[in-house]
Structures are given as structure tokens and as C-alpha cells.
Protein backbone atom coordinates (compact mmCIF):
# COMPACT_ATOMS: atom_id res chain seq x y z
CA MET A 1 72.56 26.30 -202.01
CA THR A 2 74.45 29.09 -201.22
CA ARG A 3 73.51 31.75 -198.74
CA ARG A 4 73.69 34.74 -201.23
CA ASN A 5 71.29 32.63 -203.03
CA ARG A 6 68.82 32.26 -200.08
CA LEU A 7 69.04 35.94 -199.74
CA VAL A 8 68.41 36.53 -203.32
CA LEU A 9 65.47 34.03 -203.22
CA LEU A 10 64.09 35.85 -199.81
CA ALA A 11 64.28 39.17 -201.87
CA ALA A 12 62.72 37.80 -204.70
CA LEU A 13 59.27 36.12 -202.95
CA GLY A 14 59.40 39.61 -200.63
CA SER A 15 59.13 41.12 -203.90
CA ALA A 16 56.30 38.37 -204.66
CA ALA A 17 54.32 38.13 -201.39
CA LEU A 18 54.03 41.96 -201.77
CA LEU A 19 52.61 42.22 -205.64
CA LEU A 20 49.95 39.00 -204.38
CA GLY A 21 49.07 41.16 -201.97
CA ALA A 22 48.68 43.94 -204.41
CA PHE A 23 46.73 41.84 -206.16
CA GLY A 24 44.79 39.94 -203.56
CA PHE A 25 43.58 44.25 -202.41
CA GLN A 26 42.51 44.38 -205.77
CA ALA A 27 40.29 41.13 -206.03
CA LEU A 28 38.60 42.79 -202.64
CA GLY A 29 37.66 45.55 -204.50
CA TYR A 30 40.29 48.02 -204.38
CA ALA A 31 40.74 49.31 -207.65
CA PRO A 32 44.56 50.47 -208.02
CA CYS A 33 45.28 53.95 -209.05
CA LYS A 34 47.89 55.16 -211.38
CA LEU A 35 51.06 55.52 -208.93
CA CYS A 36 49.70 51.87 -207.12
CA LEU A 37 50.21 50.12 -210.63
CA TRP A 38 53.44 52.17 -211.47
CA GLN A 39 54.98 50.50 -207.74
CA ARG A 40 53.87 46.87 -209.53
CA TRP A 41 56.09 46.74 -212.41
CA PRO A 42 59.74 46.84 -210.18
CA HIS A 43 58.44 43.93 -207.78
CA GLY A 44 57.52 42.46 -211.00
CA ALA A 45 61.62 43.23 -212.11
CA ALA A 46 63.02 42.18 -209.10
CA ILE A 47 61.34 38.63 -209.05
CA VAL A 48 62.98 38.20 -212.74
CA ILE A 49 66.19 39.61 -211.26
CA GLY A 50 65.95 37.05 -208.78
CA VAL A 51 65.67 34.17 -210.53
CA LEU A 52 67.84 35.43 -212.95
CA ALA A 53 70.74 35.61 -210.32
CA VAL A 54 70.02 32.37 -209.00
CA TRP A 55 69.58 30.37 -211.88
CA SER A 56 72.73 32.19 -213.62
CA GLY A 57 74.86 32.62 -210.30
CA GLY A 58 75.24 36.28 -211.64
CA ARG A 59 76.33 38.27 -208.79
CA TRP A 60 76.04 41.38 -211.36
CA LEU A 61 72.35 41.16 -211.14
CA ILE A 62 72.26 41.63 -207.96
CA PRO A 63 72.69 45.22 -207.45
CA LEU A 64 70.06 45.60 -210.11
CA GLY A 65 67.14 43.83 -207.89
CA ALA A 66 68.26 46.16 -205.04
CA CYS A 67 67.43 49.38 -207.49
CA ALA A 68 64.63 47.55 -208.58
CA ALA A 69 63.32 47.42 -205.10
CA ALA A 70 64.67 50.83 -204.29
CA LEU A 71 62.77 52.17 -207.14
CA THR A 72 59.06 50.71 -205.94
CA GLY A 73 60.50 52.10 -202.37
CA GLY A 74 60.78 55.62 -203.51
CA LEU A 75 57.62 55.50 -205.65
CA GLY A 76 55.70 54.42 -202.25
CA ILE A 77 57.35 57.50 -200.95
CA TYR A 78 56.19 59.80 -203.81
CA HIS A 79 52.39 58.17 -203.51
CA THR A 80 52.48 58.64 -199.73
CA GLY A 81 53.44 61.78 -200.21
CA VAL A 82 50.53 62.93 -202.68
CA GLU A 83 48.32 61.29 -200.53
CA ARG A 84 49.14 63.42 -197.61
CA GLY A 85 48.90 66.45 -199.87
CA TRP A 86 52.85 66.88 -199.68
CA TRP A 87 52.88 68.10 -203.09
CA GLN A 88 51.24 67.22 -206.38
CA GLY A 89 50.78 63.90 -207.98
CA PRO A 90 49.97 63.34 -211.67
CA ASP A 91 46.81 64.72 -213.24
CA THR A 92 45.57 61.83 -214.57
CA CYS A 93 44.96 59.03 -211.86
CA THR A 94 43.03 57.09 -213.77
CA SER A 95 42.72 53.00 -214.34
CA GLY A 96 43.06 51.08 -217.61
CA GLY A 97 40.89 49.75 -220.18
CA ASP A 98 40.61 46.61 -222.25
CA LEU A 99 41.95 47.41 -225.72
CA ALA A 100 39.95 44.48 -226.51
CA LYS A 101 36.97 46.31 -227.47
CA SER A 102 35.99 48.22 -229.64
CA ALA A 103 36.41 52.07 -230.27
CA GLY A 104 33.01 53.04 -229.37
CA GLU A 105 33.38 50.40 -226.55
CA LEU A 106 36.20 51.37 -224.97
CA LEU A 107 35.37 55.15 -225.14
CA ASP A 108 31.90 53.93 -223.37
CA GLN A 109 34.06 52.16 -220.65
CA ILE A 110 36.71 55.32 -220.09
CA MET A 111 33.75 57.63 -220.26
CA ASN A 112 31.76 56.01 -217.42
CA ALA A 113 34.78 54.49 -215.45
CA PRO A 114 35.16 55.93 -212.28
CA LEU A 115 38.56 57.99 -211.44
CA ILE A 116 40.24 55.89 -209.18
CA ARG A 117 41.99 58.86 -207.25
CA CYS A 118 45.96 58.97 -206.61
CA ASP A 119 45.43 61.20 -203.29
CA GLU A 120 43.01 59.56 -201.49
CA VAL A 121 43.83 56.66 -199.25
CA ALA A 122 41.55 52.97 -200.00
CA TRP A 123 42.90 51.23 -197.40
CA SER A 124 45.56 51.93 -194.21
CA LEU A 125 46.72 50.02 -191.44
CA MET A 126 48.06 51.79 -188.14
CA GLY A 127 47.69 55.14 -190.19
CA LEU A 128 50.05 54.39 -192.46
CA SER A 129 48.90 53.31 -196.41
CA MET A 130 49.24 50.56 -198.80
CA ALA A 131 51.99 53.07 -200.77
CA SER A 132 53.50 53.75 -197.28
CA TRP A 133 53.68 50.09 -196.12
CA ASN A 134 54.91 49.51 -199.70
CA ALA A 135 57.77 51.68 -199.43
CA ILE A 136 59.02 50.47 -195.80
CA LEU A 137 58.90 46.51 -196.94
CA SER A 138 60.44 47.62 -200.32
CA PHE A 139 63.24 49.31 -198.29
CA ALA A 140 63.86 45.73 -196.25
CA LEU A 141 64.10 44.59 -199.31
CA VAL A 142 66.79 46.33 -200.43
CA ALA A 143 68.97 45.71 -197.85
CA ILE A 144 68.09 41.86 -198.39
CA TRP A 145 69.61 42.53 -201.95
CA LEU A 146 72.42 44.23 -200.34
CA ALA A 147 73.30 41.50 -197.85
CA ALA A 148 73.26 39.24 -200.64
CA TRP A 149 75.93 41.28 -202.65
CA ARG A 150 78.05 41.53 -199.84
CA ARG A 151 78.37 37.66 -199.66
């Protein structure tokens, strides 16, 4: 395996680890807000891009992986700013529902669901929230993606 492919896999596995960590916190009862969910999608894209880049040998995919990691890092910074009151967040920070239910059941679920606020820190480590850690670690992944691209 080439050094480039090892770096791509490291970056993709980093996104997988962050995504699994998010799901782990959710399993422990930390319900994600809207901004938390937005931060997950680019990690999923980075994983797919990494697999495709290694499988196809497509060097041109590597900048897309870096962009995905940068996007989730940027969303992490935005979310951190909302948590710290630096700027306004979305008006609709709610969690999703199960669309397989009937309309009445779905309405009841929506009406009785707790509001998961984007501007409240649910968990922190060393004074940094999950959104802040996602931003820091995601920008580290950007550096790995770019190192792979330079190879």
C-alpha cells in the first residue's frame, strides 16, 4: 500500500472514529441537536471518499475528502459560536422523528419531543464542547488529507 493510500485511510478512519464517537454519545443519552446532525454528514462523505480514493486510485478525490473534513470543521466552529453566544443559531434546533408512524402518532411525537437546543453545551472536556472538539480534530484531518494529496 502506498503512503498516499495510508494517509487517505488514516483520514477516513479519523472521520469514522469521530462519527462513531458521536453515535456513542447519542447512545449514552446525549441527544444531538440540528447542528450536531449537520456535522455528521461531511464525516460520512469523507469516509466514502476515502474508500473510493483508495479503491480507484483516484488522486483527484483527495481534495474532496479535505473539503468534507473542512466543512464539518467549519460547522463545528459555527456550532461553537452558537454555544458561546457569539452569534445566533438556527431557529429550529430540534431532533428528527420516525416517519414510519401515522400522521397522528408523528404529530404527538413532535408535540411531546423535548427541544434539543443548539446553544447549550451538553458535554465538555477541558472547557471545550463536542462541537469544538469536532472542529479541532476535523481540521487535523484536513491536514492529513492535504498531506496525502501532496504525495
